[in-house]
């Protein structure tokens, strides 16, 4: 997503004493990750996040919720066999979640049998719990890495960059058993150094060619119009943390379906897993 006037630290930060429901019980965030300081919109985001051990977190979640089954290890997303060179395909992508509005979005997509791609933020997963991610995977959506707490990767050290990506990879792997193969750099900020690290991590860089600017224009009608104009082969950028965006999606999908579009995940758009380190904006 692009740079804007108000940072997303407030959205990505943990609330230490918030009660989190994970479908099988509830617990205090502070018990799992310690008492992290509250962040303000004006506060600078640290390049390396506060010490939170993803594997320890996952272990505590499982111990506190015996009904949560242990996921298979190391699974990767398996795209449907679709030929987007012959079909009018479009990939809807959603950044910065999971959030409060994500469940409604999943409901709307499920009713229309639409698959999408979610670029998730590690700290938001800790706040939301594993249940939303498990539903995404179960319903055939693709997951991508959007860092731990949303820094511009071009402005952090190599060590911090690796921490941002590795930590989110481990949290998602521990929660749902999926090894993500794609990522989206926050603000679209990338360079050769970032690309080299993504090659090392086995992650393709997914950008976009249709920007709904939903972070700036919190108006469902505007977001709908921009998304509904997507040409075939597009990757559409949206954010599932905004209720106005989620409200725009059903009409956007219905309009594109009426035009004969097929909704696919990013990997399905290309017919394969994109190359690690590669930079993709559309088919």
C-alpha atoms as a PDB file:
ATOM      1  CA  UNK A   1       0.000   0.000   0.000  1.00  0.00           C
ATOM      2  CA  UNK A   2       1.105   3.571  -0.533  1.00  0.00           C
ATOM      3  CA  UNK A   3       2.418   6.205   1.830  1.00  0.00           C
ATOM      4  CA  UNK A   4      -0.260   8.320   3.371  1.00  0.00           C
ATOM      5  CA  UNK A   5      -0.579  11.066   5.846  1.00  0.00           C
ATOM      6  CA  UNK A   6      -1.490   8.918   8.843  1.00  0.00           C
ATOM      7  CA  UNK A   7       0.682   5.851   9.566  1.00  0.00           C
ATOM      8  CA  UNK A   8      -0.973   2.518  10.216  1.00  0.00           C
ATOM      9  CA  UNK A   9       0.934   1.881  13.430  1.00  0.00           C
ATOM     10  CA  UNK A  10      -2.230   2.375  15.445  1.00  0.00           C
ATOM     11  CA  UNK A  11      -3.973  -0.311  13.429  1.00  0.00           C
ATOM     12  CA  UNK A  12      -1.051  -2.717  13.440  1.00  0.00           C
ATOM     13  CA  UNK A  13      -0.097  -2.271  17.109  1.00  0.00           C
ATOM     14  CA  UNK A  14      -1.071  -4.687  19.826  1.00  0.00           C
ATOM     15  CA  UNK A  15      -3.465  -3.740  22.586  1.00  0.00           C
ATOM     16  CA  UNK A  16      -1.885  -5.363  25.614  1.00  0.00           C
ATOM     17  CA  UNK A  17      -4.896  -6.040  27.804  1.00  0.00           C
ATOM     18  CA  UNK A  18      -7.522  -6.715  25.142  1.00  0.00           C
ATOM     19  CA  UNK A  19      -9.507  -9.923  25.437  1.00  0.00           C
ATOM     20  CA  UNK A  20      -9.142 -12.012  22.266  1.00  0.00           C
ATOM     21  CA  UNK A  21     -11.666 -14.631  21.220  1.00  0.00           C
ATOM     22  CA  UNK A  22     -10.194 -17.474  19.158  1.00  0.00           C
ATOM     23  CA  UNK A  23     -13.300 -19.536  18.563  1.00  0.00           C
ATOM     24  CA  UNK A  24     -12.479 -22.003  21.380  1.00  0.00           C
ATOM     25  CA  UNK A  25     -11.961 -19.677  24.308  1.00  0.00           C
ATOM     26  CA  UNK A  26     -10.599 -16.313  25.294  1.00  0.00           C
ATOM     27  CA  UNK A  27      -7.389 -15.025  26.786  1.00  0.00           C
ATOM     28  CA  UNK A  28      -5.561 -11.818  27.549  1.00  0.00           C
ATOM     29  CA  UNK A  29      -3.152 -10.557  24.889  1.00  0.00           C
ATOM     30  CA  UNK A  30      -0.873  -9.370  27.681  1.00  0.00           C
ATOM     31  CA  UNK A  31      -0.475 -12.950  28.902  1.00  0.00           C
ATOM     32  CA  UNK A  32       0.968 -13.991  25.546  1.00  0.00           C
ATOM     33  CA  UNK A  33       3.100 -11.148  24.307  1.00  0.00           C
ATOM     34  CA  UNK A  34       3.886  -9.102  27.412  1.00  0.00           C
ATOM     35  CA  UNK A  35       2.943  -5.540  28.079  1.00  0.00           C
ATOM     36  CA  UNK A  36       3.978  -3.710  24.947  1.00  0.00           C
ATOM     37  CA  UNK A  37       3.638   0.099  25.067  1.00  0.00           C
ATOM     38  CA  UNK A  38       0.699   1.685  23.328  1.00  0.00           C
ATOM     39  CA  UNK A  39       1.620   3.436  20.111  1.00  0.00           C
ATOM     40  CA  UNK A  40       0.326   6.741  18.844  1.00  0.00           C
ATOM     41  CA  UNK A  41      -0.170   7.829  15.248  1.00  0.00           C
ATOM     42  CA  UNK A  42       2.778  10.183  15.576  1.00  0.00           C
ATOM     43  CA  UNK A  43       5.149   7.603  17.063  1.00  0.00           C
ATOM     44  CA  UNK A  44       7.860   6.214  14.826  1.00  0.00           C
ATOM     45  CA  UNK A  45       7.496   2.516  14.087  1.00  0.00           C
ATOM     46  CA  UNK A  46      10.556   0.517  15.216  1.00  0.00           C
ATOM     47  CA  UNK A  47      12.471  -1.204  12.455  1.00  0.00           C
ATOM     48  CA  UNK A  48      12.745  -4.381  14.542  1.00  0.00           C
ATOM     49  CA  UNK A  49       9.519  -5.226  16.434  1.00  0.00           C
ATOM     50  CA  UNK A  50       9.415  -5.885  20.148  1.00  0.00           C
ATOM     51  CA  UNK A  51      10.490  -9.378  21.146  1.00  0.00           C
ATOM     52  CA  UNK A  52       7.599 -11.759  20.556  1.00  0.00           C
ATOM     53  CA  UNK A  53       8.469 -15.408  19.935  1.00  0.00           C
ATOM     54  CA  UNK A  54       5.951 -16.645  17.337  1.00  0.00           C
ATOM     55  CA  UNK A  55       6.523 -20.324  18.109  1.00  0.00           C
ATOM     56  CA  UNK A  56       6.108 -19.775  21.839  1.00  0.00           C
ATOM     57  CA  UNK A  57       2.926 -17.815  21.117  1.00  0.00           C
ATOM     58  CA  UNK A  58       1.530 -20.632  18.990  1.00  0.00           C
ATOM     59  CA  UNK A  59       2.410 -23.185  21.652  1.00  0.00           C
ATOM     60  CA  UNK A  60       0.599 -21.206  24.323  1.00  0.00           C
ATOM     61  CA  UNK A  61      -2.439 -20.854  22.095  1.00  0.00           C
ATOM     62  CA  UNK A  62      -2.580 -24.613  21.557  1.00  0.00           C
ATOM     63  CA  UNK A  63      -2.089 -25.313  25.265  1.00  0.00           C
ATOM     64  CA  UNK A  64      -4.910 -22.937  26.204  1.00  0.00           C
ATOM     65  CA  UNK A  65      -7.202 -24.236  23.466  1.00  0.00           C
ATOM     66  CA  UNK A  66      -6.952 -28.048  23.287  1.00  0.00           C
ATOM     67  CA  UNK A  67      -9.685 -28.158  20.643  1.00  0.00           C
ATOM     68  CA  UNK A  68      -7.467 -26.258  18.212  1.00  0.00           C
ATOM     69  CA  UNK A  69      -5.961 -29.052  16.036  1.00  0.00           C
ATOM     70  CA  UNK A  70      -2.280 -28.980  15.181  1.00  0.00           C
ATOM     71  CA  UNK A  71      -1.966 -27.938  11.509  1.00  0.00           C
ATOM     72  CA  UNK A  72       0.098 -29.873   8.951  1.00  0.00           C
ATOM     73  CA  UNK A  73       3.593 -28.515   8.635  1.00  0.00           C
ATOM     74  CA  UNK A  74       4.973 -26.724   5.594  1.00  0.00           C
ATOM     75  CA  UNK A  75       1.919 -26.818   3.351  1.00  0.00           C
ATOM     76  CA  UNK A  76       1.818 -24.367   0.456  1.00  0.00           C
ATOM     77  CA  UNK A  77      -1.117 -22.847  -1.393  1.00  0.00           C
ATOM     78  CA  UNK A  78      -2.413 -25.090  -4.182  1.00  0.00           C
ATOM     79  CA  UNK A  79      -3.962 -23.000  -6.959  1.00  0.00           C
ATOM     80  CA  UNK A  80      -6.881 -24.227  -9.014  1.00  0.00           C
ATOM     81  CA  UNK A  81      -6.055 -25.196 -12.572  1.00  0.00           C
ATOM     82  CA  UNK A  82      -7.359 -22.169 -14.476  1.00  0.00           C
ATOM     83  CA  UNK A  83      -6.136 -20.757 -17.773  1.00  0.00           C
ATOM     84  CA  UNK A  84      -6.148 -16.996 -17.341  1.00  0.00           C
ATOM     85  CA  UNK A  85      -4.740 -16.569 -20.842  1.00  0.00           C
ATOM     86  CA  UNK A  86      -8.188 -17.668 -22.028  1.00  0.00           C
ATOM     87  CA  UNK A  87     -10.347 -16.267 -19.217  1.00  0.00           C
ATOM     88  CA  UNK A  88     -11.062 -12.732 -18.032  1.00  0.00           C
ATOM     89  CA  UNK A  89      -9.312 -13.156 -14.700  1.00  0.00           C
ATOM     90  CA  UNK A  90      -8.907 -10.607 -11.934  1.00  0.00           C
ATOM     91  CA  UNK A  91      -7.183 -10.976  -8.566  1.00  0.00           C
ATOM     92  CA  UNK A  92      -8.673  -9.070  -5.643  1.00  0.00           C
ATOM     93  CA  UNK A  93      -6.066  -8.480  -2.938  1.00  0.00           C
ATOM     94  CA  UNK A  94      -6.542  -7.170   0.585  1.00  0.00           C
ATOM     95  CA  UNK A  95      -3.802  -5.725   2.814  1.00  0.00           C
ATOM     96  CA  UNK A  96      -3.205  -4.997   6.503  1.00  0.00           C
ATOM     97  CA  UNK A  97      -5.578  -7.480   8.128  1.00  0.00           C
ATOM     98  CA  UNK A  98      -7.002  -9.479   9.600  1.00  0.00           C
ATOM     99  CA  UNK A  99      -9.294  -6.921  11.190  1.00  0.00           C
ATOM    100  CA  UNK A 100     -12.803  -6.525  12.529  1.00  0.00           C
ATOM    101  CA  UNK A 101     -14.323  -6.183   9.053  1.00  0.00           C
ATOM    102  CA  UNK A 102     -12.536  -9.211   7.583  1.00  0.00           C
ATOM    103  CA  UNK A 103     -15.177 -11.719   8.691  1.00  0.00           C
ATOM    104  CA  UNK A 104     -17.930  -9.846   6.883  1.00  0.00           C
ATOM    105  CA  UNK A 105     -15.743  -9.719   3.778  1.00  0.00           C
ATOM    106  CA  UNK A 106     -15.208 -13.478   3.943  1.00  0.00           C
ATOM    107  CA  UNK A 107     -18.968 -13.962   4.249  1.00  0.00           C
ATOM    108  CA  UNK A 108     -19.594 -11.857   1.137  1.00  0.00           C
ATOM    109  CA  UNK A 109     -16.900 -13.668  -0.854  1.00  0.00           C
ATOM    110  CA  UNK A 110     -18.189 -17.080   0.232  1.00  0.00           C
ATOM    111  CA  UNK A 111     -21.737 -16.336  -0.921  1.00  0.00           C
ATOM    112  CA  UNK A 112     -20.365 -15.503  -4.387  1.00  0.00           C
ATOM    113  CA  UNK A 113     -17.786 -18.326  -4.393  1.00  0.00           C
ATOM    114  CA  UNK A 114     -15.015 -15.783  -4.973  1.00  0.00           C
ATOM    115  CA  UNK A 115     -11.382 -16.468  -4.099  1.00  0.00           C
ATOM    116  CA  UNK A 116      -9.037 -13.645  -3.101  1.00  0.00           C
ATOM    117  CA  UNK A 117      -5.555 -13.031  -1.713  1.00  0.00           C
ATOM    118  CA  UNK A 118      -4.892 -11.608   1.749  1.00  0.00           C
ATOM    119  CA  UNK A 119      -1.567  -9.962   2.581  1.00  0.00           C
ATOM    120  CA  UNK A 120      -1.515 -10.233   6.351  1.00  0.00           C
ATOM    121  CA  UNK A 121       0.363  -8.262   9.010  1.00  0.00           C
ATOM    122  CA  UNK A 122       1.914 -10.363  11.772  1.00  0.00           C
ATOM    123  CA  UNK A 123       0.902  -8.155  14.687  1.00  0.00           C
ATOM    124  CA  UNK A 124      -2.677  -8.090  13.453  1.00  0.00           C
ATOM    125  CA  UNK A 125      -2.703 -11.895  13.499  1.00  0.00           C
ATOM    126  CA  UNK A 126      -1.614 -11.890  17.139  1.00  0.00           C
ATOM    127  CA  UNK A 127      -4.387  -9.413  17.955  1.00  0.00           C
ATOM    128  CA  UNK A 128      -7.066 -11.230  15.955  1.00  0.00           C
ATOM    129  CA  UNK A 129      -6.049 -14.816  16.701  1.00  0.00           C
ATOM    130  CA  UNK A 130      -5.771 -17.768  14.306  1.00  0.00           C
ATOM    131  CA  UNK A 131      -9.445 -18.365  13.539  1.00  0.00           C
ATOM    132  CA  UNK A 132      -9.779 -15.859  10.668  1.00  0.00           C
ATOM    133  CA  UNK A 133      -6.656 -17.168   8.939  1.00  0.00           C
ATOM    134  CA  UNK A 134      -7.840 -20.748   9.314  1.00  0.00           C
ATOM    135  CA  UNK A 135     -11.107 -19.804   7.652  1.00  0.00           C
ATOM    136  CA  UNK A 136      -9.268 -18.073   4.794  1.00  0.00           C
ATOM    137  CA  UNK A 137      -7.249 -21.204   4.099  1.00  0.00           C
ATOM    138  CA  UNK A 138     -10.273 -23.507   4.431  1.00  0.00           C
ATOM    139  CA  UNK A 139     -12.236 -21.410   1.923  1.00  0.00           C
ATOM    140  CA  UNK A 140      -9.489 -21.433  -0.711  1.00  0.00           C
ATOM    141  CA  UNK A 141      -8.024 -17.961  -0.328  1.00  0.00           C
ATOM    142  CA  UNK A 142      -4.296 -17.337  -0.658  1.00  0.00           C
ATOM    143  CA  UNK A 143      -2.181 -15.789   2.095  1.00  0.00           C
ATOM    144  CA  UNK A 144       0.735 -13.426   1.550  1.00  0.00           C
ATOM    145  CA  UNK A 145       3.276 -11.848   3.896  1.00  0.00           C
ATOM    146  CA  UNK A 146       2.855  -8.109   4.556  1.00  0.00           C
ATOM    147  CA  UNK A 147       5.566  -7.885   7.263  1.00  0.00           C
ATOM    148  CA  UNK A 148       5.234  -7.903  11.036  1.00  0.00           C
ATOM    149  CA  UNK A 149       4.283  -4.275  11.672  1.00  0.00           C
ATOM    150  CA  UNK A 150       4.285  -2.509   8.296  1.00  0.00           C
ATOM    151  CA  UNK A 151       7.577  -0.591   7.897  1.00  0.00           C
ATOM    152  CA  UNK A 152       8.907   0.571   4.529  1.00  0.00           C
ATOM    153  CA  UNK A 153      11.392  -2.221   3.814  1.00  0.00           C
ATOM    154  CA  UNK A 154      13.667   0.044   1.799  1.00  0.00           C
ATOM    155  CA  UNK A 155      14.405   2.097   4.915  1.00  0.00           C
ATOM    156  CA  UNK A 156      15.249  -0.649   7.429  1.00  0.00           C
ATOM    157  CA  UNK A 157      18.429  -2.636   7.965  1.00  0.00           C
ATOM    158  CA  UNK A 158      18.930  -6.073   6.457  1.00  0.00           C
ATOM    159  CA  UNK A 159      18.568  -7.635   9.894  1.00  0.00           C
ATOM    160  CA  UNK A 160      15.312  -5.780  10.518  1.00  0.00           C
ATOM    161  CA  UNK A 161      14.016  -6.712   7.066  1.00  0.00           C
ATOM    162  CA  UNK A 162      14.622 -10.390   7.738  1.00  0.00           C
ATOM    163  CA  UNK A 163      12.982 -10.131  11.152  1.00  0.00           C
ATOM    164  CA  UNK A 164       9.901  -8.483   9.648  1.00  0.00           C
ATOM    165  CA  UNK A 165       9.438 -11.277   7.127  1.00  0.00           C
ATOM    166  CA  UNK A 166      10.634 -14.295   9.120  1.00  0.00           C
ATOM    167  CA  UNK A 167       8.497 -13.506  12.138  1.00  0.00           C
ATOM    168  CA  UNK A 168       5.299 -13.280  10.114  1.00  0.00           C
ATOM    169  CA  UNK A 169       6.192 -16.434   8.168  1.00  0.00           C
ATOM    170  CA  UNK A 170       6.577 -18.336  11.441  1.00  0.00           C
ATOM    171  CA  UNK A 171       3.374 -17.022  12.999  1.00  0.00           C
ATOM    172  CA  UNK A 172       1.296 -17.957   9.945  1.00  0.00           C
ATOM    173  CA  UNK A 173       3.015 -21.328   9.688  1.00  0.00           C
ATOM    174  CA  UNK A 174       2.366 -22.068  13.346  1.00  0.00           C
ATOM    175  CA  UNK A 175      -1.261 -20.917  13.176  1.00  0.00           C
ATOM    176  CA  UNK A 176      -2.449 -22.511   9.936  1.00  0.00           C
ATOM    177  CA  UNK A 177       0.389 -24.713   8.676  1.00  0.00           C
ATOM    178  CA  UNK A 178       0.887 -22.682   5.496  1.00  0.00           C
ATOM    179  CA  UNK A 179       4.243 -21.566   4.125  1.00  0.00           C
ATOM    180  CA  UNK A 180       3.499 -18.347   2.255  1.00  0.00           C
ATOM    181  CA  UNK A 181       5.127 -17.963  -1.169  1.00  0.00           C
ATOM    182  CA  UNK A 182       4.189 -14.366  -1.933  1.00  0.00           C
ATOM    183  CA  UNK A 183       4.561 -11.026  -0.170  1.00  0.00           C
ATOM    184  CA  UNK A 184       3.636  -7.402  -0.657  1.00  0.00           C
ATOM    185  CA  UNK A 185       6.065  -4.683   0.458  1.00  0.00           C
ATOM    186  CA  UNK A 186       4.303  -2.026   2.557  1.00  0.00           C
ATOM    187  CA  UNK A 187       3.676   1.141   0.545  1.00  0.00           C
ATOM    188  CA  UNK A 188       4.938  -0.740  -2.526  1.00  0.00           C
ATOM    189  CA  UNK A 189       8.455   0.228  -1.417  1.00  0.00           C
ATOM    190  CA  UNK A 190      11.032  -2.153  -2.869  1.00  0.00           C
ATOM    191  CA  UNK A 191      14.496  -2.126  -4.391  1.00  0.00           C
ATOM    192  CA  UNK A 192      17.188  -4.619  -5.371  1.00  0.00           C
ATOM    193  CA  UNK A 193      18.208  -5.206  -1.763  1.00  0.00           C
ATOM    194  CA  UNK A 194      14.621  -6.083  -0.843  1.00  0.00           C
ATOM    195  CA  UNK A 195      14.328  -8.266  -3.948  1.00  0.00           C
ATOM    196  CA  UNK A 196      17.488 -10.165  -2.992  1.00  0.00           C
ATOM    197  CA  UNK A 197      16.135 -10.868   0.486  1.00  0.00           C
ATOM    198  CA  UNK A 198      12.839 -12.048  -0.965  1.00  0.00           C
ATOM    199  CA  UNK A 199      14.701 -14.458  -3.241  1.00  0.00           C
ATOM    200  CA  UNK A 200      16.474 -15.814  -0.178  1.00  0.00           C
ATOM    201  CA  UNK A 201      13.155 -16.251   1.623  1.00  0.00           C
ATOM    202  CA  UNK A 202      11.386 -17.766  -1.390  1.00  0.00           C
ATOM    203  CA  UNK A 203       8.827 -14.954  -1.648  1.00  0.00           C
ATOM    204  CA  UNK A 204       7.613 -13.241  -4.812  1.00  0.00           C
ATOM    205  CA  UNK A 205       6.871  -9.500  -4.607  1.00  0.00           C
ATOM    206  CA  UNK A 206       3.254  -8.778  -5.545  1.00  0.00           C
ATOM    207  CA  UNK A 207       2.349  -5.174  -6.310  1.00  0.00           C
ATOM    208  CA  UNK A 208      -0.721  -4.034  -8.273  1.00  0.00           C
ATOM    209  CA  UNK A 209      -1.977  -2.235 -11.358  1.00  0.00           C
ATOM    210  CA  UNK A 210      -5.359  -1.093  -9.973  1.00  0.00           C
ATOM    211  CA  UNK A 211      -5.227   1.012  -6.813  1.00  0.00           C
ATOM    212  CA  UNK A 212      -8.641   1.730  -5.334  1.00  0.00           C
ATOM    213  CA  UNK A 213      -7.062   4.304  -2.978  1.00  0.00           C
ATOM    214  CA  UNK A 214      -9.476   3.050  -0.357  1.00  0.00           C
ATOM    215  CA  UNK A 215      -7.127   4.108   2.451  1.00  0.00           C
ATOM    216  CA  UNK A 216      -7.542   7.720   1.324  1.00  0.00           C
ATOM    217  CA  UNK A 217     -11.124   7.795   0.089  1.00  0.00           C
ATOM    218  CA  UNK A 218     -13.302   6.153   2.723  1.00  0.00           C
ATOM    219  CA  UNK A 219     -16.273   6.149   0.372  1.00  0.00           C
ATOM    220  CA  UNK A 220     -17.758   2.848  -0.783  1.00  0.00           C
ATOM    221  CA  UNK A 221     -19.093   4.312  -4.033  1.00  0.00           C
ATOM    222  CA  UNK A 222     -15.669   5.641  -5.050  1.00  0.00           C
ATOM    223  CA  UNK A 223     -13.948   2.381  -4.144  1.00  0.00           C
ATOM    224  CA  UNK A 224     -16.561   0.409  -6.072  1.00  0.00           C
ATOM    225  CA  UNK A 225     -16.150   2.491  -9.235  1.00  0.00           C
ATOM    226  CA  UNK A 226     -12.370   2.176  -9.247  1.00  0.00           C
ATOM    227  CA  UNK A 227     -12.400  -1.569  -8.674  1.00  0.00           C
ATOM    228  CA  UNK A 228     -15.178  -2.251 -11.175  1.00  0.00           C
ATOM    229  CA  UNK A 229     -13.045  -0.710 -13.957  1.00  0.00           C
ATOM    230  CA  UNK A 230     -10.268  -3.294 -13.575  1.00  0.00           C
ATOM    231  CA  UNK A 231      -9.179  -4.714 -16.949  1.00  0.00           C
ATOM    232  CA  UNK A 232      -8.619  -8.470 -17.360  1.00  0.00           C
ATOM    233  CA  UNK A 233      -5.390  -9.678 -15.786  1.00  0.00           C
ATOM    234  CA  UNK A 234      -5.487  -7.055 -13.043  1.00  0.00           C
ATOM    235  CA  UNK A 235      -4.277  -7.191  -9.471  1.00  0.00           C
ATOM    236  CA  UNK A 236      -6.582  -4.909  -7.459  1.00  0.00           C
ATOM    237  CA  UNK A 237      -5.304  -3.330  -4.235  1.00  0.00           C
ATOM    238  CA  UNK A 238      -7.706  -2.939  -1.305  1.00  0.00           C
ATOM    239  CA  UNK A 239      -7.605  -3.084   2.494  1.00  0.00           C
ATOM    240  CA  UNK A 240      -9.891  -5.308   4.551  1.00  0.00           C
ATOM    241  CA  UNK A 241      -9.371  -3.144   7.655  1.00  0.00           C
ATOM    242  CA  UNK A 242     -11.701  -0.475   6.213  1.00  0.00           C
ATOM    243  CA  UNK A 243     -15.451  -1.031   6.569  1.00  0.00           C
ATOM    244  CA  UNK A 244     -16.112   1.222   3.586  1.00  0.00           C
ATOM    245  CA  UNK A 245     -13.982  -1.067   1.431  1.00  0.00           C
ATOM    246  CA  UNK A 246     -15.720  -4.198   2.644  1.00  0.00           C
ATOM    247  CA  UNK A 247     -19.080  -2.564   1.913  1.00  0.00           C
ATOM    248  CA  UNK A 248     -17.966  -1.854  -1.672  1.00  0.00           C
ATOM    249  CA  UNK A 249     -16.839  -5.386  -2.496  1.00  0.00           C
ATOM    250  CA  UNK A 250     -20.193  -7.178  -3.079  1.00  0.00           C
ATOM    251  CA  UNK A 251     -21.322  -4.686  -5.717  1.00  0.00           C
ATOM    252  CA  UNK A 252     -17.843  -4.622  -7.281  1.00  0.00           C
ATOM    253  CA  UNK A 253     -17.814  -8.405  -7.539  1.00  0.00           C
ATOM    254  CA  UNK A 254     -21.353  -8.561  -8.927  1.00  0.00           C
ATOM    255  CA  UNK A 255     -20.505  -5.973 -11.594  1.00  0.00           C
ATOM    256  CA  UNK A 256     -17.377  -7.830 -12.699  1.00  0.00           C
ATOM    257  CA  UNK A 257     -19.185 -11.174 -12.661  1.00  0.00           C
ATOM    258  CA  UNK A 258     -21.808  -9.688 -14.975  1.00  0.00           C
ATOM    259  CA  UNK A 259     -18.953  -8.765 -17.339  1.00  0.00           C
ATOM    260  CA  UNK A 260     -17.794 -12.374 -17.415  1.00  0.00           C
ATOM    261  CA  UNK A 261     -14.835 -12.107 -15.049  1.00  0.00           C
ATOM    262  CA  UNK A 262     -13.327 -15.022 -13.139  1.00  0.00           C
ATOM    263  CA  UNK A 263     -11.982 -14.212  -9.680  1.00  0.00           C
ATOM    264  CA  UNK A 264      -8.659 -15.829  -8.878  1.00  0.00           C
ATOM    265  CA  UNK A 265      -5.871 -15.688  -6.345  1.00  0.00           C
ATOM    266  CA  UNK A 266      -2.529 -14.176  -7.314  1.00  0.00           C
ATOM    267  CA  UNK A 267      -0.906 -17.560  -7.935  1.00  0.00           C
ATOM    268  CA  UNK A 268      -3.901 -18.645 -10.004  1.00  0.00           C
ATOM    269  CA  UNK A 269      -3.616 -15.477 -12.076  1.00  0.00           C
ATOM    270  CA  UNK A 270      -0.185 -16.605 -13.254  1.00  0.00           C
ATOM    271  CA  UNK A 271      -1.006 -20.306 -13.374  1.00  0.00           C
ATOM    272  CA  UNK A 272       1.884 -21.101 -11.038  1.00  0.00           C
ATOM    273  CA  UNK A 273       3.690 -19.782  -7.988  1.00  0.00           C
ATOM    274  CA  UNK A 274       5.406 -16.507  -9.013  1.00  0.00           C
ATOM    275  CA  UNK A 275       9.222 -16.549  -8.952  1.00  0.00           C
ATOM    276  CA  UNK A 276      10.856 -15.645  -5.605  1.00  0.00           C
ATOM    277  CA  UNK A 277      12.155 -12.085  -5.619  1.00  0.00           C
ATOM    278  CA  UNK A 278      10.281 -11.277  -8.813  1.00  0.00           C
ATOM    279  CA  UNK A 279       8.149  -8.148  -9.014  1.00  0.00           C
ATOM    280  CA  UNK A 280       4.596  -8.596 -10.326  1.00  0.00           C
ATOM    281  CA  UNK A 281       1.939  -5.970 -11.014  1.00  0.00           C
ATOM    282  CA  UNK A 282      -0.490  -7.730 -13.375  1.00  0.00           C
ATOM    283  CA  UNK A 283      -0.718 -10.678 -15.713  1.00  0.00           C
END
